[in-house]
Amino acid sequence: MKQDRIFARYAFGLIGGLAIVITALVSLGIAELPNLGFFVEHAGLGVIFRATYKSFDGSNWIKDALERSGMITSEGAAPVGAAGAMS
């Protein structure tokens, strides 16, 4: 939960900063507003990055499937093949 709040603050900071820069550039006549496709593309990329970020949390079906198959181990558990290893 704490990481979600930190990420939300970071995301809102980026969005706010981008809005300020775009507003300043348009107000000064240096640039024009980007078209709708630009915003849709970047919003989609944001959703994909957010999903990727959440997948590292461990609450995703890919990690769960890999743990069940024995390809990876959960945090805190002994690695696969560690039984009988030197102490």
N, C-alpha and C. Protein backbone atom coordinates (compact mmCIF):
# COMPACT_ATOMS: atom_id res chain seq x y z
N MET A 1 0.81 -1.20 0.00
CA MET A 1 0.00 0.00 0.00
C MET A 1 0.86 1.27 0.00
N LYS A 2 1.95 1.24 0.79
CA LYS A 2 2.80 2.43 0.84
C LYS A 2 3.44 2.68 -0.52
N GLN A 3 3.84 1.61 -1.21
CA GLN A 3 4.45 1.77 -2.52
C GLN A 3 3.44 2.33 -3.52
N ASP A 4 2.17 1.96 -3.38
CA ASP A 4 1.14 2.49 -4.26
C ASP A 4 0.99 4.00 -4.07
N ARG A 5 1.03 4.44 -2.84
CA ARG A 5 0.92 5.88 -2.58
C ARG A 5 2.13 6.63 -3.12
N ILE A 6 3.30 6.05 -2.95
CA ILE A 6 4.52 6.69 -3.47
C ILE A 6 4.44 6.77 -4.99
N PHE A 7 4.01 5.68 -5.63
CA PHE A 7 3.88 5.68 -7.09
C PHE A 7 2.84 6.70 -7.54
N ALA A 8 1.72 6.80 -6.83
CA ALA A 8 0.67 7.76 -7.19
C ALA A 8 1.20 9.19 -7.11
N ARG A 9 1.95 9.49 -6.07
CA ARG A 9 2.53 10.83 -5.95
C ARG A 9 3.51 11.10 -7.10
N TYR A 10 4.31 10.12 -7.40
CA TYR A 10 5.27 10.26 -8.51
C TYR A 10 4.54 10.47 -9.83
N ALA A 11 3.50 9.67 -10.07
CA ALA A 11 2.74 9.78 -11.32
C ALA A 11 2.05 11.14 -11.42
N PHE A 12 1.42 11.58 -10.34
CA PHE A 12 0.75 12.89 -10.37
C PHE A 12 1.77 14.01 -10.54
N GLY A 13 2.96 13.85 -9.97
CA GLY A 13 4.01 14.84 -10.16
C GLY A 13 4.44 14.93 -11.62
N LEU A 14 4.60 13.77 -12.25
CA LEU A 14 4.96 13.76 -13.67
C LEU A 14 3.86 14.37 -14.53
N ILE A 15 2.62 14.00 -14.26
CA ILE A 15 1.50 14.54 -15.03
C ILE A 15 1.39 16.05 -14.83
N GLY A 16 1.51 16.49 -13.58
CA GLY A 16 1.45 17.93 -13.30
C GLY A 16 2.58 18.69 -13.96
N GLY A 17 3.78 18.13 -13.89
CA GLY A 17 4.93 18.79 -14.53
C GLY A 17 4.76 18.89 -16.03
N LEU A 18 4.27 17.81 -16.64
CA LEU A 18 4.03 17.83 -18.08
C LEU A 18 2.96 18.85 -18.45
N ALA A 19 1.90 18.92 -17.66
CA ALA A 19 0.84 19.90 -17.92
C ALA A 19 1.37 21.32 -17.83
N ILE A 20 2.22 21.59 -16.86
CA ILE A 20 2.79 22.93 -16.71
C ILE A 20 3.68 23.28 -17.90
N VAL A 21 4.51 22.33 -18.33
CA VAL A 21 5.41 22.60 -19.47
C VAL A 21 4.60 22.82 -20.74
N ILE A 22 3.61 21.97 -21.00
CA ILE A 22 2.79 22.13 -22.21
C ILE A 22 2.03 23.45 -22.18
N THR A 23 1.46 23.78 -21.03
CA THR A 23 0.72 25.04 -20.90
C THR A 23 1.64 26.24 -21.16
N ALA A 24 2.83 26.21 -20.60
CA ALA A 24 3.77 27.32 -20.79
C ALA A 24 4.18 27.45 -22.26
N LEU A 25 4.48 26.33 -22.89
CA LEU A 25 4.91 26.37 -24.30
C LEU A 25 3.79 26.85 -25.22
N VAL A 26 2.56 26.40 -24.96
CA VAL A 26 1.43 26.83 -25.79
C VAL A 26 1.13 28.31 -25.53
N SER A 27 1.19 28.73 -24.27
CA SER A 27 0.92 30.13 -23.94
C SER A 27 1.94 31.08 -24.57
N LEU A 28 3.17 30.64 -24.65
CA LEU A 28 4.22 31.48 -25.23
C LEU A 28 4.24 31.41 -26.76
N GLY A 29 3.44 30.53 -27.33
CA GLY A 29 3.38 30.41 -28.78
C GLY A 29 4.52 29.59 -29.37
N ILE A 30 5.26 28.91 -28.53
CA ILE A 30 6.39 28.10 -29.00
C ILE A 30 5.90 26.78 -29.59
N ALA A 31 4.82 26.26 -29.05
CA ALA A 31 4.33 24.95 -29.48
C ALA A 31 2.81 24.97 -29.60
N GLU A 32 2.28 23.91 -30.19
CA GLU A 32 0.84 23.73 -30.27
C GLU A 32 0.47 22.53 -29.41
N LEU A 33 -0.80 22.44 -29.06
CA LEU A 33 -1.25 21.29 -28.29
C LEU A 33 -1.07 20.01 -29.10
N PRO A 34 -0.60 18.96 -28.44
CA PRO A 34 -0.48 17.68 -29.15
C PRO A 34 -1.87 17.17 -29.55
N ASN A 35 -1.90 16.33 -30.56
CA ASN A 35 -3.20 15.80 -31.00
C ASN A 35 -3.68 14.73 -30.03
N LEU A 36 -4.92 14.33 -30.19
CA LEU A 36 -5.55 13.37 -29.28
C LEU A 36 -4.83 12.02 -29.31
N GLY A 37 -4.34 11.61 -30.47
CA GLY A 37 -3.63 10.34 -30.57
C GLY A 37 -2.41 10.27 -29.67
N PHE A 38 -1.72 11.39 -29.53
CA PHE A 38 -0.56 11.47 -28.65
C PHE A 38 -0.96 11.16 -27.22
N PHE A 39 -2.03 11.78 -26.76
CA PHE A 39 -2.49 11.55 -25.39
C PHE A 39 -2.97 10.12 -25.19
N VAL A 40 -3.69 9.58 -26.16
CA VAL A 40 -4.18 8.20 -26.05
C VAL A 40 -3.01 7.23 -26.01
N GLU A 41 -2.03 7.44 -26.88
CA GLU A 41 -0.86 6.56 -26.90
C GLU A 41 -0.12 6.58 -25.57
N HIS A 42 0.10 7.77 -25.04
CA HIS A 42 0.85 7.87 -23.79
C HIS A 42 0.04 7.38 -22.60
N ALA A 43 -1.25 7.55 -22.62
CA ALA A 43 -2.09 7.00 -21.55
C ALA A 43 -2.03 5.46 -21.60
N GLY A 44 -2.06 4.90 -22.80
CA GLY A 44 -1.95 3.45 -22.94
C GLY A 44 -0.60 2.93 -22.45
N LEU A 45 0.46 3.64 -22.80
CA LEU A 45 1.77 3.25 -22.32
C LEU A 45 1.85 3.35 -20.80
N GLY A 46 1.22 4.36 -20.25
CA GLY A 46 1.18 4.51 -18.80
C GLY A 46 0.49 3.34 -18.12
N VAL A 47 -0.61 2.89 -18.71
CA VAL A 47 -1.33 1.74 -18.16
C VAL A 47 -0.46 0.48 -18.24
N ILE A 48 0.24 0.32 -19.36
CA ILE A 48 1.12 -0.85 -19.51
C ILE A 48 2.26 -0.80 -18.48
N PHE A 49 2.87 0.37 -18.31
CA PHE A 49 3.94 0.50 -17.33
C PHE A 49 3.43 0.24 -15.92
N ARG A 50 2.22 0.71 -15.64
CA ARG A 50 1.63 0.49 -14.32
C ARG A 50 1.39 -1.00 -14.10
N ALA A 51 0.89 -1.69 -15.10
CA ALA A 51 0.66 -3.13 -14.98
C ALA A 51 1.99 -3.86 -14.76
N THR A 52 3.03 -3.42 -15.45
CA THR A 52 4.34 -4.03 -15.27
C THR A 52 4.85 -3.78 -13.86
N TYR A 53 4.68 -2.57 -13.38
CA TYR A 53 5.08 -2.22 -12.02
C TYR A 53 4.36 -3.10 -11.01
N LYS A 54 3.07 -3.28 -11.19
CA LYS A 54 2.29 -4.11 -10.27
C LYS A 54 2.69 -5.58 -10.37
N SER A 55 3.15 -6.02 -11.52
CA SER A 55 3.52 -7.43 -11.67
C SER A 55 4.74 -7.77 -10.82
N PHE A 56 5.60 -6.80 -10.53
CA PHE A 56 6.75 -7.06 -9.68
C PHE A 56 6.36 -7.18 -8.21
N ASP A 57 5.14 -6.80 -7.89
CA ASP A 57 4.62 -6.87 -6.53
C ASP A 57 4.45 -8.33 -6.08
N GLY A 58 4.32 -9.24 -7.02
CA GLY A 58 4.12 -10.63 -6.69
C GLY A 58 2.66 -11.04 -6.76
N SER A 59 1.79 -10.11 -7.05
CA SER A 59 0.36 -10.43 -7.10
C SER A 59 -0.08 -10.58 -8.56
N ASN A 60 0.67 -11.37 -9.30
CA ASN A 60 0.28 -11.58 -10.69
C ASN A 60 0.26 -13.07 -11.01
N TRP A 61 -0.47 -13.42 -12.01
CA TRP A 61 -0.67 -14.84 -12.33
C TRP A 61 0.57 -15.48 -12.92
N ILE A 62 1.45 -14.71 -13.57
CA ILE A 62 2.65 -15.30 -14.15
C ILE A 62 3.59 -15.77 -13.04
N LYS A 63 3.83 -14.92 -12.06
CA LYS A 63 4.71 -15.29 -10.95
C LYS A 63 4.11 -16.46 -10.18
N ASP A 64 2.82 -16.44 -9.92
CA ASP A 64 2.17 -17.54 -9.21
C ASP A 64 2.33 -18.86 -9.97
N ALA A 65 2.15 -18.83 -11.27
CA ALA A 65 2.30 -20.04 -12.08
C ALA A 65 3.74 -20.55 -12.06
N LEU A 66 4.71 -19.64 -12.12
CA LEU A 66 6.11 -20.05 -12.07
C LEU A 66 6.47 -20.65 -10.72
N GLU A 67 5.89 -20.11 -9.64
CA GLU A 67 6.13 -20.68 -8.31
C GLU A 67 5.53 -22.08 -8.21
N ARG A 68 4.31 -22.25 -8.72
CA ARG A 68 3.66 -23.56 -8.66
C ARG A 68 4.41 -24.61 -9.46
N SER A 69 5.01 -24.18 -10.57
CA SER A 69 5.74 -25.13 -11.41
C SER A 69 7.13 -25.43 -10.87
N GLY A 70 7.59 -24.65 -9.90
CA GLY A 70 8.91 -24.87 -9.32
C GLY A 70 10.03 -24.16 -10.05
N MET A 71 9.69 -23.34 -11.04
CA MET A 71 10.73 -22.64 -11.79
C MET A 71 11.35 -21.51 -10.98
N ILE A 72 10.57 -20.92 -10.07
CA ILE A 72 11.10 -19.92 -9.15
C ILE A 72 10.56 -20.24 -7.77
N THR A 73 11.17 -19.65 -6.75
CA THR A 73 10.69 -19.86 -5.39
C THR A 73 10.16 -18.55 -4.85
N SER A 74 9.27 -18.65 -3.88
CA SER A 74 8.74 -17.44 -3.26
C SER A 74 9.79 -16.85 -2.34
N GLU A 75 9.65 -15.59 -2.01
CA GLU A 75 10.60 -14.91 -1.14
C GLU A 75 10.61 -15.57 0.23
N GLY A 76 11.78 -15.74 0.79
CA GLY A 76 11.90 -16.32 2.12
C GLY A 76 11.99 -17.84 2.09
N ALA A 77 11.66 -18.46 1.00
CA ALA A 77 11.74 -19.92 0.90
C ALA A 77 13.13 -20.30 0.41
N ALA A 78 13.50 -21.54 0.70
CA ALA A 78 14.79 -22.03 0.23
C ALA A 78 14.75 -22.19 -1.28
N PRO A 79 15.82 -21.84 -1.98
CA PRO A 79 15.83 -22.00 -3.44
C PRO A 79 15.69 -23.47 -3.83
N VAL A 80 15.22 -23.70 -5.02
CA VAL A 80 15.06 -25.07 -5.53
C VAL A 80 16.45 -25.71 -5.58
N GLY A 81 16.57 -26.94 -5.04
CA GLY A 81 17.84 -27.63 -5.05
C GLY A 81 18.73 -27.28 -3.88
N ALA A 82 18.23 -26.52 -2.90
CA ALA A 82 19.05 -26.11 -1.77
C ALA A 82 19.10 -27.21 -0.70
N ALA A 83 18.22 -28.18 -0.77
CA ALA A 83 18.25 -29.25 0.22
C ALA A 83 19.55 -30.02 0.11
N GLY A 84 20.21 -30.21 1.23
CA GLY A 84 21.46 -30.95 1.23
C GLY A 84 22.66 -30.10 0.84
N ALA A 85 22.45 -28.82 0.68
CA ALA A 85 23.57 -27.94 0.35
C ALA A 85 24.44 -27.76 1.60
N MET A 86 25.69 -27.37 1.39
CA MET A 86 26.60 -27.18 2.52
C MET A 86 26.11 -26.04 3.40
N SER A 87 26.24 -26.19 4.72
CA SER A 87 25.78 -25.17 5.66
C SER A 87 26.86 -24.16 5.90
